[in-house]
Protein backbone atom coordinates (compact mmCIF):
# COMPACT_ATOMS: atom_id res chain seq x y z
CA UNK A 1 74.47 131.61 29.07
CA UNK A 2 76.70 132.96 31.82
CA UNK A 3 75.11 133.57 35.18
CA UNK A 4 76.21 136.73 36.95
CA UNK A 5 76.40 137.11 40.69
CA UNK A 6 74.97 140.36 41.94
CA UNK A 7 76.77 141.96 44.91
CA UNK A 8 73.57 142.73 46.79
CA UNK A 9 72.40 139.20 46.04
CA UNK A 10 75.59 137.75 47.46
CA UNK A 11 75.15 139.68 50.72
CA UNK A 12 71.52 138.61 51.04
CA UNK A 13 72.27 135.05 49.95
CA UNK A 14 74.93 134.52 52.60
CA UNK A 15 72.49 135.73 55.26
CA UNK A 16 69.66 133.58 53.92
CA UNK A 17 71.83 130.44 53.97
CA UNK A 18 73.08 131.29 57.47
CA UNK A 19 69.55 131.64 58.85
CA UNK A 20 68.18 128.64 56.97
CA UNK A 21 70.94 126.44 58.37
CA UNK A 22 70.58 127.96 61.85
CA UNK A 23 66.91 126.96 61.88
CA UNK A 24 67.71 123.50 60.47
CA UNK A 25 65.66 123.99 57.32
CA UNK A 26 66.60 122.45 53.99
CA UNK A 27 66.31 124.35 50.71
CA UNK A 28 63.51 121.98 49.80
CA UNK A 29 61.60 122.66 53.02
CA UNK A 30 62.06 126.41 52.62
CA UNK A 31 60.84 126.23 49.04
CA UNK A 32 57.71 124.34 50.04
CA UNK A 33 56.97 126.62 53.01
CA UNK A 34 57.52 129.83 51.03
CA UNK A 35 55.88 128.82 47.75
CA UNK A 36 59.16 129.32 45.89
CA UNK A 37 61.18 126.82 43.92
CA UNK A 38 64.23 125.05 45.26
CA UNK A 39 66.19 126.39 42.28
CA UNK A 40 65.23 129.95 43.18
CA UNK A 41 66.27 129.43 46.81
CA UNK A 42 69.62 128.11 45.56
CA UNK A 43 70.03 131.02 43.15
CA UNK A 44 69.37 133.51 45.94
CA UNK A 45 71.81 131.81 48.30
CA UNK A 46 74.50 131.90 45.61
CA UNK A 47 73.91 135.54 44.69
CA UNK A 48 72.44 134.87 41.26
CA UNK A 49 68.98 136.18 42.19
CA UNK A 50 67.95 139.23 44.18
CA UNK A 51 64.56 138.72 45.84
CA UNK A 52 61.67 141.13 45.67
CA UNK A 53 60.20 142.50 48.88
CA UNK A 54 57.31 140.03 48.57
CA UNK A 55 59.81 137.18 48.37
CA UNK A 56 61.69 138.44 51.43
CA UNK A 57 58.37 138.54 53.31
CA UNK A 58 57.53 134.98 52.20
CA UNK A 59 60.93 133.76 53.40
CA UNK A 60 60.54 135.50 56.76
CA UNK A 61 57.16 133.84 57.27
CA UNK A 62 58.52 130.45 56.17
CA UNK A 63 61.49 130.71 58.55
CA UNK A 64 59.32 132.21 61.29
CA UNK A 65 61.77 135.07 61.72
CA UNK A 66 61.60 138.83 61.56
CA UNK A 67 62.23 140.51 58.23
CA UNK A 68 65.03 142.44 59.91
CA UNK A 69 66.81 139.15 60.61
CA UNK A 70 67.13 138.75 56.85
CA UNK A 71 68.00 142.31 55.86
CA UNK A 72 69.82 143.81 58.83
CA UNK A 73 73.03 142.46 57.30
CA UNK A 74 72.86 145.47 54.95
CA UNK A 75 73.28 147.82 57.93
CA UNK A 76 76.91 146.66 58.15
CA UNK A 77 77.50 146.77 54.40
CA UNK A 78 78.97 149.63 52.39
CA UNK A 79 75.85 150.08 50.28
CA UNK A 80 77.31 152.34 47.57
CA UNK A 81 79.93 149.67 46.86
CA UNK A 82 77.36 146.97 46.10
CA UNK A 83 74.79 148.97 44.13
CA UNK A 84 74.94 148.98 40.34
CA UNK A 85 76.47 152.14 38.90
């Protein structure tokens, strides 16, 4: 089975990894704190999974950051170019 990176997932994943590393949190620690699996955290960071709003909220709480810190990256992104046709 071939995994497919999703453009919006790649944008979010880069930001998630950036913030996680900035706060000195491992994927394992983030998984435990958010109630998600380490594999899912990895899939998000690599653009293979696009999180639901609930998941974004869980991550924000786990990282003790604002939701906007995770999603404001989309303000500088050409949204039509990353959305599925």
